[in-house]
């Protein structure tokens, strides 16, 4: 049996929040698909996602499904599974969807195994299907509770981006269209790494001044990285770059920020990354981003420090000393595209 024309794949916190947000502005039903059958049964019985989004009642317009046949009528599917699971999930759902179904990538990261951006992973997993990317500052709890949220919807087809942004926007959910897929993806991926750095600053009690400097210099790193891979500086200065960075680098709601803060307080990074611990996308992205940057001939000092601390190559104190001892530069060169810092 096929389902409605709109579906969300992945019933974690963000996928569930998207379902709540989109159901609020629709009169028609939508599908929220989860691979875990027991989770779906529980959500059907209670109309609450107790594990990932407790306290939020799920609209009756949200059809909770565990069968991929529910995606058969979808013209648009929002894929809200973790970054490292995107490729496998899209390969699994591909035989069940139509030839023109649009996939909207909602995770923020870079695939570790292939060092590729998620839009590239999706294009290989589902050749021929249109791919869009949703990113920007939006905490699941805020969205699910109807608080105002603005994000970016990017596609290489600008007309498609505008149509999809209009179709998904509502009274409390505003999407801005963009043709800069690379810039939007890079902002979403790098801000997670920088949020870990901000958390480390907070946990180590290095002060608000240090965090403000880190956000500003982190923005410069994001801009250089984006330029090297075809992204635009104005995209990084928008919602999916600066907006998301400010949100996740300053709030306890951010898993990446909490992960960094625990490290700053002395917790071993490997213990925080064990199975069963909250998923922290920035911990996966840090090393991959640094490897890509080295290949492109650019430097990411903050992201490199985060990677070194996570991998145990440096202590927090050593990383901070290294950053503070870097050669002084003129800030008017911040956004140069060469191998500068």
C-alpha atoms as a PDB file:
ATOM      1  CA  UNK A   1       0.000   0.000   0.000  1.00  0.00           C
ATOM      2  CA  UNK A   2       1.437   3.366  -1.014  1.00  0.00           C
ATOM      3  CA  UNK A   3       1.291   6.465   1.120  1.00  0.00           C
ATOM      4  CA  UNK A   4       1.019  10.253   0.830  1.00  0.00           C
ATOM      5  CA  UNK A   5       3.030  12.478  -1.502  1.00  0.00           C
ATOM      6  CA  UNK A   6       5.378  13.759   1.244  1.00  0.00           C
ATOM      7  CA  UNK A   7       7.543  11.574   3.469  1.00  0.00           C
ATOM      8  CA  UNK A   8      10.288  11.897   6.070  1.00  0.00           C
ATOM      9  CA  UNK A   9      12.702   8.973   6.378  1.00  0.00           C
ATOM     10  CA  UNK A  10      14.262   8.759   9.808  1.00  0.00           C
ATOM     11  CA  UNK A  11      12.390   9.166  13.089  1.00  0.00           C
ATOM     12  CA  UNK A  12      15.150  10.619  15.217  1.00  0.00           C
ATOM     13  CA  UNK A  13      14.719  13.988  16.870  1.00  0.00           C
ATOM     14  CA  UNK A  14      15.147  16.071  13.725  1.00  0.00           C
ATOM     15  CA  UNK A  15      13.109  13.819  11.440  1.00  0.00           C
ATOM     16  CA  UNK A  16      10.276  13.765  13.947  1.00  0.00           C
ATOM     17  CA  UNK A  17      10.477  17.543  14.374  1.00  0.00           C
ATOM     18  CA  UNK A  18      10.281  17.979  10.605  1.00  0.00           C
ATOM     19  CA  UNK A  19       7.192  15.789  10.516  1.00  0.00           C
ATOM     20  CA  UNK A  20       5.557  17.860  13.273  1.00  0.00           C
ATOM     21  CA  UNK A  21       6.484  21.116  11.547  1.00  0.00           C
ATOM     22  CA  UNK A  22       5.270  20.109   8.104  1.00  0.00           C
ATOM     23  CA  UNK A  23       2.077  18.490   9.407  1.00  0.00           C
ATOM     24  CA  UNK A  24       1.195  21.773  11.094  1.00  0.00           C
ATOM     25  CA  UNK A  25       0.944  23.564   7.742  1.00  0.00           C
ATOM     26  CA  UNK A  26      -0.691  20.776   5.705  1.00  0.00           C
ATOM     27  CA  UNK A  27      -4.215  19.491   5.444  1.00  0.00           C
ATOM     28  CA  UNK A  28      -3.047  16.253   3.826  1.00  0.00           C
ATOM     29  CA  UNK A  29      -1.256  13.430   5.660  1.00  0.00           C
ATOM     30  CA  UNK A  30       2.472  12.772   5.437  1.00  0.00           C
ATOM     31  CA  UNK A  31       4.599   9.716   6.211  1.00  0.00           C
ATOM     32  CA  UNK A  32       7.213   9.433   8.943  1.00  0.00           C
ATOM     33  CA  UNK A  33       9.189   6.257   8.240  1.00  0.00           C
ATOM     34  CA  UNK A  34      11.397   4.485  10.790  1.00  0.00           C
ATOM     35  CA  UNK A  35      13.365   1.301  10.283  1.00  0.00           C
ATOM     36  CA  UNK A  36      12.723   0.149  13.869  1.00  0.00           C
ATOM     37  CA  UNK A  37       9.342  -1.593  13.947  1.00  0.00           C
ATOM     38  CA  UNK A  38       9.091  -1.465  17.738  1.00  0.00           C
ATOM     39  CA  UNK A  39       9.654   2.290  17.703  1.00  0.00           C
ATOM     40  CA  UNK A  40       6.881   2.723  15.135  1.00  0.00           C
ATOM     41  CA  UNK A  41       4.458   0.616  17.188  1.00  0.00           C
ATOM     42  CA  UNK A  42       5.231   2.641  20.301  1.00  0.00           C
ATOM     43  CA  UNK A  43       4.747   5.953  18.495  1.00  0.00           C
ATOM     44  CA  UNK A  44       1.453   4.749  17.044  1.00  0.00           C
ATOM     45  CA  UNK A  45       0.214   3.718  20.490  1.00  0.00           C
ATOM     46  CA  UNK A  46       1.300   6.852  22.343  1.00  0.00           C
ATOM     47  CA  UNK A  47       1.520   9.487  19.552  1.00  0.00           C
ATOM     48  CA  UNK A  48       4.869  10.495  21.117  1.00  0.00           C
ATOM     49  CA  UNK A  49       8.470   9.758  20.123  1.00  0.00           C
ATOM     50  CA  UNK A  50       9.498   9.119  23.711  1.00  0.00           C
ATOM     51  CA  UNK A  51      13.126   8.267  22.947  1.00  0.00           C
ATOM     52  CA  UNK A  52      14.062  11.160  20.672  1.00  0.00           C
ATOM     53  CA  UNK A  53      11.499  13.933  21.160  1.00  0.00           C
ATOM     54  CA  UNK A  54       9.648  13.401  24.455  1.00  0.00           C
ATOM     55  CA  UNK A  55       6.724  15.613  25.361  1.00  0.00           C
ATOM     56  CA  UNK A  56       5.728  16.472  21.781  1.00  0.00           C
ATOM     57  CA  UNK A  57       2.403  15.037  20.619  1.00  0.00           C
ATOM     58  CA  UNK A  58       2.438  13.788  17.028  1.00  0.00           C
ATOM     59  CA  UNK A  59      -0.335  15.076  14.790  1.00  0.00           C
ATOM     60  CA  UNK A  60      -2.858  12.558  13.497  1.00  0.00           C
ATOM     61  CA  UNK A  61      -1.820  13.715  10.015  1.00  0.00           C
ATOM     62  CA  UNK A  62       1.522  11.968  10.537  1.00  0.00           C
ATOM     63  CA  UNK A  63       1.306   8.379   9.306  1.00  0.00           C
ATOM     64  CA  UNK A  64       3.874   6.311  11.200  1.00  0.00           C
ATOM     65  CA  UNK A  65       5.192   3.561   8.952  1.00  0.00           C
ATOM     66  CA  UNK A  66       7.805   0.831   8.992  1.00  0.00           C
ATOM     67  CA  UNK A  67       7.273  -0.396   5.424  1.00  0.00           C
ATOM     68  CA  UNK A  68       9.058   1.160   2.467  1.00  0.00           C
ATOM     69  CA  UNK A  69       5.950   0.744   0.333  1.00  0.00           C
ATOM     70  CA  UNK A  70       4.709   3.820   2.220  1.00  0.00           C
ATOM     71  CA  UNK A  71       7.064   5.866   0.042  1.00  0.00           C
ATOM     72  CA  UNK A  72       5.578   4.738  -3.255  1.00  0.00           C
ATOM     73  CA  UNK A  73       3.479   7.844  -3.911  1.00  0.00           C
ATOM     74  CA  UNK A  74       5.968  10.363  -2.521  1.00  0.00           C
ATOM     75  CA  UNK A  75       7.021  13.143  -4.857  1.00  0.00           C
ATOM     76  CA  UNK A  76       9.355  14.502  -2.188  1.00  0.00           C
ATOM     77  CA  UNK A  77      11.225  12.609   0.556  1.00  0.00           C
ATOM     78  CA  UNK A  78      13.205  14.303   3.334  1.00  0.00           C
ATOM     79  CA  UNK A  79      16.044  11.971   4.325  1.00  0.00           C
ATOM     80  CA  UNK A  80      16.773  12.650   8.000  1.00  0.00           C
ATOM     81  CA  UNK A  81      19.082   9.801   8.969  1.00  0.00           C
ATOM     82  CA  UNK A  82      22.664  10.291  10.249  1.00  0.00           C
ATOM     83  CA  UNK A  83      25.242  11.402   7.698  1.00  0.00           C
ATOM     84  CA  UNK A  84      27.183   8.136   7.758  1.00  0.00           C
ATOM     85  CA  UNK A  85      23.984   6.139   7.073  1.00  0.00           C
ATOM     86  CA  UNK A  86      22.704   8.276   4.183  1.00  0.00           C
ATOM     87  CA  UNK A  87      24.103   6.234   1.313  1.00  0.00           C
ATOM     88  CA  UNK A  88      22.845   2.903   2.610  1.00  0.00           C
ATOM     89  CA  UNK A  89      19.410   4.309   3.409  1.00  0.00           C
ATOM     90  CA  UNK A  90      18.978   5.890  -0.008  1.00  0.00           C
ATOM     91  CA  UNK A  91      20.072   2.694  -1.748  1.00  0.00           C
ATOM     92  CA  UNK A  92      17.475   0.814   0.286  1.00  0.00           C
ATOM     93  CA  UNK A  93      14.587   3.148  -0.494  1.00  0.00           C
ATOM     94  CA  UNK A  94      15.467   3.756  -4.171  1.00  0.00           C
ATOM     95  CA  UNK A  95      13.536   0.738  -5.595  1.00  0.00           C
ATOM     96  CA  UNK A  96      10.370   1.852  -3.797  1.00  0.00           C
ATOM     97  CA  UNK A  97      10.079   5.411  -5.120  1.00  0.00           C
ATOM     98  CA  UNK A  98       9.101   6.931  -8.440  1.00  0.00           C
ATOM     99  CA  UNK A  99      11.539   8.090 -11.138  1.00  0.00           C
ATOM    100  CA  UNK A 100      11.029  11.793 -10.384  1.00  0.00           C
ATOM    101  CA  UNK A 101      10.879  11.726  -6.585  1.00  0.00           C
ATOM    102  CA  UNK A 102      12.965  14.521  -5.070  1.00  0.00           C
ATOM    103  CA  UNK A 103      15.304  13.564  -2.234  1.00  0.00           C
ATOM    104  CA  UNK A 104      15.995  16.310   0.305  1.00  0.00           C
ATOM    105  CA  UNK A 105      19.149  15.611   2.332  1.00  0.00           C
ATOM    106  CA  UNK A 106      18.723  16.782   5.926  1.00  0.00           C
ATOM    107  CA  UNK A 107      21.875  15.462   7.627  1.00  0.00           C
ATOM    108  CA  UNK A 108      24.963  17.643   8.101  1.00  0.00           C
ATOM    109  CA  UNK A 109      28.312  16.034   7.530  1.00  0.00           C
ATOM    110  CA  UNK A 110      30.748  14.420   5.092  1.00  0.00           C
ATOM    111  CA  UNK A 111      30.836  10.675   4.455  1.00  0.00           C
ATOM    112  CA  UNK A 112      33.923   9.319   6.200  1.00  0.00           C
ATOM    113  CA  UNK A 113      34.456   6.252   4.020  1.00  0.00           C
ATOM    114  CA  UNK A 114      34.470   8.124   0.705  1.00  0.00           C
ATOM    115  CA  UNK A 115      35.355  11.702   1.783  1.00  0.00           C
ATOM    116  CA  UNK A 116      32.381  12.899  -0.280  1.00  0.00           C
ATOM    117  CA  UNK A 117      29.649  15.416   0.419  1.00  0.00           C
ATOM    118  CA  UNK A 118      26.214  13.962   1.081  1.00  0.00           C
ATOM    119  CA  UNK A 119      24.656  15.272  -2.122  1.00  0.00           C
ATOM    120  CA  UNK A 120      27.317  13.325  -4.030  1.00  0.00           C
ATOM    121  CA  UNK A 121      26.625  10.210  -1.965  1.00  0.00           C
ATOM    122  CA  UNK A 122      22.904  10.546  -2.668  1.00  0.00           C
ATOM    123  CA  UNK A 123      23.425  11.075  -6.396  1.00  0.00           C
ATOM    124  CA  UNK A 124      25.398   7.846  -6.635  1.00  0.00           C
ATOM    125  CA  UNK A 125      22.944   5.890  -4.483  1.00  0.00           C
ATOM    126  CA  UNK A 126      19.918   7.108  -6.481  1.00  0.00           C
ATOM    127  CA  UNK A 127      21.102   8.069  -9.967  1.00  0.00           C
ATOM    128  CA  UNK A 128      18.609  10.162 -11.883  1.00  0.00           C
ATOM    129  CA  UNK A 129      16.633  11.420  -8.896  1.00  0.00           C
ATOM    130  CA  UNK A 130      16.713  15.165  -8.170  1.00  0.00           C
ATOM    131  CA  UNK A 131      18.696  15.963  -5.006  1.00  0.00           C
ATOM    132  CA  UNK A 132      18.238  18.961  -2.707  1.00  0.00           C
ATOM    133  CA  UNK A 133      19.823  19.884   0.625  1.00  0.00           C
ATOM    134  CA  UNK A 134      18.120  21.340   3.707  1.00  0.00           C
ATOM    135  CA  UNK A 135      20.368  23.033   6.254  1.00  0.00           C
ATOM    136  CA  UNK A 136      20.514  25.918   8.682  1.00  0.00           C
ATOM    137  CA  UNK A 137      19.849  26.842  12.302  1.00  0.00           C
ATOM    138  CA  UNK A 138      17.043  24.711  13.651  1.00  0.00           C
ATOM    139  CA  UNK A 139      16.887  22.747  16.887  1.00  0.00           C
ATOM    140  CA  UNK A 140      14.422  19.878  16.841  1.00  0.00           C
ATOM    141  CA  UNK A 141      12.603  20.897  20.034  1.00  0.00           C
ATOM    142  CA  UNK A 142      12.099  24.475  18.825  1.00  0.00           C
ATOM    143  CA  UNK A 143      10.722  23.328  15.487  1.00  0.00           C
ATOM    144  CA  UNK A 144       8.464  20.662  16.947  1.00  0.00           C
ATOM    145  CA  UNK A 145       6.965  23.154  19.381  1.00  0.00           C
ATOM    146  CA  UNK A 146       6.132  25.637  16.646  1.00  0.00           C
ATOM    147  CA  UNK A 147       8.821  28.212  17.402  1.00  0.00           C
ATOM    148  CA  UNK A 148       9.918  30.349  14.432  1.00  0.00           C
ATOM    149  CA  UNK A 149      12.689  28.723  12.397  1.00  0.00           C
ATOM    150  CA  UNK A 150      14.398  29.783   9.152  1.00  0.00           C
ATOM    151  CA  UNK A 151      16.640  27.496   7.099  1.00  0.00           C
ATOM    152  CA  UNK A 152      18.066  27.147   3.581  1.00  0.00           C
ATOM    153  CA  UNK A 153      16.916  24.787   0.822  1.00  0.00           C
ATOM    154  CA  UNK A 154      19.552  24.315  -1.874  1.00  0.00           C
ATOM    155  CA  UNK A 155      19.473  22.647  -5.269  1.00  0.00           C
ATOM    156  CA  UNK A 156      21.624  22.896  -8.377  1.00  0.00           C
ATOM    157  CA  UNK A 157      18.320  23.650 -10.144  1.00  0.00           C
ATOM    158  CA  UNK A 158      17.409  27.073  -8.777  1.00  0.00           C
ATOM    159  CA  UNK A 159      13.773  26.785  -9.918  1.00  0.00           C
ATOM    160  CA  UNK A 160      13.458  23.489  -8.062  1.00  0.00           C
ATOM    161  CA  UNK A 161      14.983  25.038  -4.941  1.00  0.00           C
ATOM    162  CA  UNK A 162      12.432  27.834  -5.030  1.00  0.00           C
ATOM    163  CA  UNK A 163       9.523  25.443  -5.612  1.00  0.00           C
ATOM    164  CA  UNK A 164      10.579  23.089  -2.827  1.00  0.00           C
ATOM    165  CA  UNK A 165      11.248  25.943  -0.393  1.00  0.00           C
ATOM    166  CA  UNK A 166       7.767  27.305  -1.077  1.00  0.00           C
ATOM    167  CA  UNK A 167       6.137  23.885  -0.748  1.00  0.00           C
ATOM    168  CA  UNK A 168       7.744  23.132   2.634  1.00  0.00           C
ATOM    169  CA  UNK A 169       7.464  26.587   4.224  1.00  0.00           C
ATOM    170  CA  UNK A 170       4.699  27.357   6.707  1.00  0.00           C
ATOM    171  CA  UNK A 171       3.655  29.867   9.339  1.00  0.00           C
ATOM    172  CA  UNK A 172       6.588  29.014  11.625  1.00  0.00           C
ATOM    173  CA  UNK A 173       8.989  27.422   9.146  1.00  0.00           C
ATOM    174  CA  UNK A 174      10.565  29.692   6.541  1.00  0.00           C
ATOM    175  CA  UNK A 175      12.914  28.349   3.879  1.00  0.00           C
ATOM    176  CA  UNK A 176      15.205  30.446   1.713  1.00  0.00           C
ATOM    177  CA  UNK A 177      16.104  28.993  -1.694  1.00  0.00           C
ATOM    178  CA  UNK A 178      19.715  28.714  -2.822  1.00  0.00           C
ATOM    179  CA  UNK A 179      21.539  27.400  -5.865  1.00  0.00           C
ATOM    180  CA  UNK A 180      24.776  26.915  -3.881  1.00  0.00           C
ATOM    181  CA  UNK A 181      24.607  23.268  -2.823  1.00  0.00           C
ATOM    182  CA  UNK A 182      28.320  23.118  -1.966  1.00  0.00           C
ATOM    183  CA  UNK A 183      28.215  26.198   0.252  1.00  0.00           C
ATOM    184  CA  UNK A 184      25.107  25.026   2.109  1.00  0.00           C
ATOM    185  CA  UNK A 185      26.526  21.539   2.706  1.00  0.00           C
ATOM    186  CA  UNK A 186      29.901  22.821   3.839  1.00  0.00           C
ATOM    187  CA  UNK A 187      28.366  25.277   6.271  1.00  0.00           C
ATOM    188  CA  UNK A 188      26.289  22.494   7.818  1.00  0.00           C
ATOM    189  CA  UNK A 189      29.235  20.117   8.088  1.00  0.00           C
ATOM    190  CA  UNK A 190      31.912  22.501   9.360  1.00  0.00           C
ATOM    191  CA  UNK A 191      29.725  24.240  11.937  1.00  0.00           C
ATOM    192  CA  UNK A 192      29.457  20.933  13.815  1.00  0.00           C
ATOM    193  CA  UNK A 193      33.239  20.749  14.134  1.00  0.00           C
ATOM    194  CA  UNK A 194      33.431  24.366  15.259  1.00  0.00           C
ATOM    195  CA  UNK A 195      30.630  23.787  17.774  1.00  0.00           C
ATOM    196  CA  UNK A 196      32.800  21.103  19.369  1.00  0.00           C
ATOM    197  CA  UNK A 197      35.610  23.645  19.595  1.00  0.00           C
ATOM    198  CA  UNK A 198      33.258  26.164  21.205  1.00  0.00           C
ATOM    199  CA  UNK A 199      32.160  23.524  23.694  1.00  0.00           C
ATOM    200  CA  UNK A 200      35.777  22.784  24.570  1.00  0.00           C
ATOM    201  CA  UNK A 201      36.333  26.507  25.212  1.00  0.00           C
ATOM    202  CA  UNK A 202      33.291  26.548  27.486  1.00  0.00           C
ATOM    203  CA  UNK A 203      34.220  23.351  29.327  1.00  0.00           C
ATOM    204  CA  UNK A 204      37.786  24.513  29.890  1.00  0.00           C
ATOM    205  CA  UNK A 205      36.498  27.852  31.249  1.00  0.00           C
ATOM    206  CA  UNK A 206      38.479  29.869  28.719  1.00  0.00           C
ATOM    207  CA  UNK A 207      35.910  32.666  28.681  1.00  0.00           C
ATOM    208  CA  UNK A 208      33.347  34.316  26.442  1.00  0.00           C
ATOM    209  CA  UNK A 209      35.988  36.395  24.652  1.00  0.00           C
ATOM    210  CA  UNK A 210      37.754  33.226  23.511  1.00  0.00           C
ATOM    211  CA  UNK A 211      34.494  31.756  22.243  1.00  0.00           C
ATOM    212  CA  UNK A 212      33.654  34.911  20.289  1.00  0.00           C
ATOM    213  CA  UNK A 213      37.093  34.848  18.673  1.00  0.00           C
ATOM    214  CA  UNK A 214      36.697  31.176  17.862  1.00  0.00           C
ATOM    215  CA  UNK A 215      33.349  31.778  16.127  1.00  0.00           C
ATOM    216  CA  UNK A 216      34.803  34.590  14.035  1.00  0.00           C
ATOM    217  CA  UNK A 217      37.935  32.685  13.051  1.00  0.00           C
ATOM    218  CA  UNK A 218      35.866  29.555  12.511  1.00  0.00           C
ATOM    219  CA  UNK A 219      33.725  31.468  10.043  1.00  0.00           C
ATOM    220  CA  UNK A 220      36.917  32.330   8.150  1.00  0.00           C
ATOM    221  CA  UNK A 221      37.833  28.627   7.998  1.00  0.00           C
ATOM    222  CA  UNK A 222      34.380  27.729   6.695  1.00  0.00           C
ATOM    223  CA  UNK A 223      34.648  30.407   4.024  1.00  0.00           C
ATOM    224  CA  UNK A 224      38.070  29.236   2.821  1.00  0.00           C
ATOM    225  CA  UNK A 225      36.940  25.627   2.749  1.00  0.00           C
ATOM    226  CA  UNK A 226      33.781  26.476   0.820  1.00  0.00           C
ATOM    227  CA  UNK A 227      35.718  28.520  -1.742  1.00  0.00           C
ATOM    228  CA  UNK A 228      38.041  25.573  -2.360  1.00  0.00           C
ATOM    229  CA  UNK A 229      35.105  23.309  -3.164  1.00  0.00           C
ATOM    230  CA  UNK A 230      32.921  25.638  -5.188  1.00  0.00           C
ATOM    231  CA  UNK A 231      30.881  27.288  -2.429  1.00  0.00           C
ATOM    232  CA  UNK A 232      30.194  30.990  -2.103  1.00  0.00           C
ATOM    233  CA  UNK A 233      31.245  33.343   0.686  1.00  0.00           C
ATOM    234  CA  UNK A 234      27.763  34.893   0.810  1.00  0.00           C
ATOM    235  CA  UNK A 235      26.271  31.456   1.488  1.00  0.00           C
ATOM    236  CA  UNK A 236      28.623  30.920   4.421  1.00  0.00           C
ATOM    237  CA  UNK A 237      27.624  34.354   5.731  1.00  0.00           C
ATOM    238  CA  UNK A 238      23.959  33.299   5.659  1.00  0.00           C
ATOM    239  CA  UNK A 239      21.647  30.961   7.527  1.00  0.00           C
ATOM    240  CA  UNK A 240      23.375  27.698   6.628  1.00  0.00           C
ATOM    241  CA  UNK A 241      26.806  28.996   7.655  1.00  0.00           C
ATOM    242  CA  UNK A 242      26.982  31.821  10.158  1.00  0.00           C
ATOM    243  CA  UNK A 243      23.417  31.315  11.370  1.00  0.00           C
ATOM    244  CA  UNK A 244      23.903  27.635  12.135  1.00  0.00           C
ATOM    245  CA  UNK A 245      27.361  28.238  13.592  1.00  0.00           C
ATOM    246  CA  UNK A 246      26.096  30.845  16.053  1.00  0.00           C
ATOM    247  CA  UNK A 247      23.246  28.552  17.117  1.00  0.00           C
ATOM    248  CA  UNK A 248      25.273  25.406  17.695  1.00  0.00           C
ATOM    249  CA  UNK A 249      28.368  27.111  19.106  1.00  0.00           C
ATOM    250  CA  UNK A 250      26.443  28.907  21.848  1.00  0.00           C
ATOM    251  CA  UNK A 251      23.676  26.574  22.997  1.00  0.00           C
ATOM    252  CA  UNK A 252      23.476  23.613  25.333  1.00  0.00           C
ATOM    253  CA  UNK A 253      20.848  22.112  23.015  1.00  0.00           C
ATOM    254  CA  UNK A 254      23.653  21.293  20.562  1.00  0.00           C
ATOM    255  CA  UNK A 255      25.026  17.756  20.890  1.00  0.00           C
ATOM    256  CA  UNK A 256      28.283  18.902  19.329  1.00  0.00           C
ATOM    257  CA  UNK A 257      28.632  21.734  21.846  1.00  0.00           C
ATOM    258  CA  UNK A 258      27.920  19.361  24.763  1.00  0.00           C
ATOM    259  CA  UNK A 259      30.431  16.855  23.394  1.00  0.00           C
ATOM    260  CA  UNK A 260      33.102  19.550  23.272  1.00  0.00           C
ATOM    261  CA  UNK A 261      32.242  20.877  26.697  1.00  0.00           C
ATOM    262  CA  UNK A 262      32.655  17.405  28.196  1.00  0.00           C
ATOM    263  CA  UNK A 263      36.106  17.180  26.593  1.00  0.00           C
ATOM    264  CA  UNK A 264      36.982  20.618  27.948  1.00  0.00           C
ATOM    265  CA  UNK A 265      35.991  19.400  31.400  1.00  0.00           C
ATOM    266  CA  UNK A 266      38.341  16.445  31.123  1.00  0.00           C
ATOM    267  CA  UNK A 267      36.259  13.598  29.685  1.00  0.00           C
ATOM    268  CA  UNK A 268      38.226  11.268  27.342  1.00  0.00           C
ATOM    269  CA  UNK A 269      36.955  11.773  23.760  1.00  0.00           C
ATOM    270  CA  UNK A 270      36.973   8.030  23.062  1.00  0.00           C
ATOM    271  CA  UNK A 271      34.614   7.435  25.988  1.00  0.00           C
ATOM    272  CA  UNK A 272      32.211  10.046  24.621  1.00  0.00           C
ATOM    273  CA  UNK A 273      32.187   8.349  21.221  1.00  0.00           C
ATOM    274  CA  UNK A 274      31.389   4.819  22.387  1.00  0.00           C
ATOM    275  CA  UNK A 275      28.232   3.058  21.113  1.00  0.00           C
ATOM    276  CA  UNK A 276      25.194   4.191  23.065  1.00  0.00           C
ATOM    277  CA  UNK A 277      26.471   7.734  23.489  1.00  0.00           C
ATOM    278  CA  UNK A 278      24.606  10.579  21.721  1.00  0.00           C
ATOM    279  CA  UNK A 279      25.520  10.864  18.051  1.00  0.00           C
ATOM    280  CA  UNK A 280      27.948  13.730  17.424  1.00  0.00           C
ATOM    281  CA  UNK A 281      28.289  14.380  13.694  1.00  0.00           C
ATOM    282  CA  UNK A 282      31.179  16.822  14.166  1.00  0.00           C
ATOM    283  CA  UNK A 283      33.333  14.084  15.659  1.00  0.00           C
ATOM    284  CA  UNK A 284      33.084  12.174  12.378  1.00  0.00           C
ATOM    285  CA  UNK A 285      33.496  15.259  10.201  1.00  0.00           C
ATOM    286  CA  UNK A 286      36.604  16.809  11.782  1.00  0.00           C
ATOM    287  CA  UNK A 287      39.248  14.450  10.423  1.00  0.00           C
ATOM    288  CA  UNK A 288      37.565  14.130   7.016  1.00  0.00           C
ATOM    289  CA  UNK A 289      37.331  17.905   6.577  1.00  0.00           C
ATOM    290  CA  UNK A 290      40.984  18.332   7.520  1.00  0.00           C
ATOM    291  CA  UNK A 291      42.040  15.663   5.022  1.00  0.00           C
ATOM    292  CA  UNK A 292      40.053  17.349   2.253  1.00  0.00           C
ATOM    293  CA  UNK A 293      41.533  20.720   3.199  1.00  0.00           C
ATOM    294  CA  UNK A 294      45.091  19.376   3.007  1.00  0.00           C
ATOM    295  CA  UNK A 295      44.408  17.986  -0.458  1.00  0.00           C
ATOM    296  CA  UNK A 296      43.066  21.391  -1.517  1.00  0.00           C
ATOM    297  CA  UNK A 297      46.093  23.219  -0.096  1.00  0.00           C
ATOM    298  CA  UNK A 298      44.247  25.173   2.592  1.00  0.00           C
ATOM    299  CA  UNK A 299      44.601  25.241   6.369  1.00  0.00           C
ATOM    300  CA  UNK A 300      41.870  24.761   8.974  1.00  0.00           C
ATOM    301  CA  UNK A 301      43.648  25.456  12.282  1.00  0.00           C
ATOM    302  CA  UNK A 302      40.596  25.167  14.544  1.00  0.00           C
ATOM    303  CA  UNK A 303      39.180  22.087  12.850  1.00  0.00           C
ATOM    304  CA  UNK A 304      42.639  20.495  12.935  1.00  0.00           C
ATOM    305  CA  UNK A 305      42.924  21.197  16.650  1.00  0.00           C
ATOM    306  CA  UNK A 306      39.527  19.559  17.226  1.00  0.00           C
ATOM    307  CA  UNK A 307      40.561  16.511  15.200  1.00  0.00           C
ATOM    308  CA  UNK A 308      43.861  16.231  17.073  1.00  0.00           C
ATOM    309  CA  UNK A 309      42.132  16.424  20.456  1.00  0.00           C
ATOM    310  CA  UNK A 310      39.481  13.857  19.497  1.00  0.00           C
ATOM    311  CA  UNK A 311      42.140  11.466  18.166  1.00  0.00           C
ATOM    312  CA  UNK A 312      44.295  11.935  21.285  1.00  0.00           C
ATOM    313  CA  UNK A 313      47.222  13.537  19.486  1.00  0.00           C
ATOM    314  CA  UNK A 314      46.955  16.697  21.603  1.00  0.00           C
ATOM    315  CA  UNK A 315      45.515  17.660  24.956  1.00  0.00           C
ATOM    316  CA  UNK A 316      43.144  20.612  25.149  1.00  0.00           C
ATOM    317  CA  UNK A 317      45.937  22.709  26.668  1.00  0.00           C
ATOM    318  CA  UNK A 318      48.396  21.788  23.928  1.00  0.00           C
ATOM    319  CA  UNK A 319      45.849  22.530  21.199  1.00  0.00           C
ATOM    320  CA  UNK A 320      45.142  25.938  22.691  1.00  0.00           C
ATOM    321  CA  UNK A 321      48.852  26.753  22.911  1.00  0.00           C
ATOM    322  CA  UNK A 322      49.345  25.774  19.274  1.00  0.00           C
ATOM    323  CA  UNK A 323      46.485  27.997  18.138  1.00  0.00           C
ATOM    324  CA  UNK A 324      47.672  30.984  20.144  1.00  0.00           C
ATOM    325  CA  UNK A 325      51.248  30.637  18.855  1.00  0.00           C
ATOM    326  CA  UNK A 326      50.329  30.677  15.181  1.00  0.00           C
ATOM    327  CA  UNK A 327      51.957  33.497  13.168  1.00  0.00           C
ATOM    328  CA  UNK A 328      50.066  36.755  13.399  1.00  0.00           C
ATOM    329  CA  UNK A 329      48.187  37.872  10.308  1.00  0.00           C
ATOM    330  CA  UNK A 330      46.264  40.876   9.090  1.00  0.00           C
ATOM    331  CA  UNK A 331      42.543  40.193   9.395  1.00  0.00           C
ATOM    332  CA  UNK A 332      41.787  41.803   6.033  1.00  0.00           C
ATOM    333  CA  UNK A 333      43.209  38.629   4.482  1.00  0.00           C
ATOM    334  CA  UNK A 334      40.694  36.450   6.323  1.00  0.00           C
ATOM    335  CA  UNK A 335      38.652  35.549   3.282  1.00  0.00           C
ATOM    336  CA  UNK A 336      41.460  35.042   0.786  1.00  0.00           C
ATOM    337  CA  UNK A 337      41.087  31.726  -1.003  1.00  0.00           C
ATOM    338  CA  UNK A 338      44.727  30.659  -0.815  1.00  0.00           C
ATOM    339  CA  UNK A 339      46.503  28.543   1.811  1.00  0.00           C
ATOM    340  CA  UNK A 340      46.237  31.201   4.515  1.00  0.00           C
ATOM    341  CA  UNK A 341      44.917  31.244   8.065  1.00  0.00           C
END
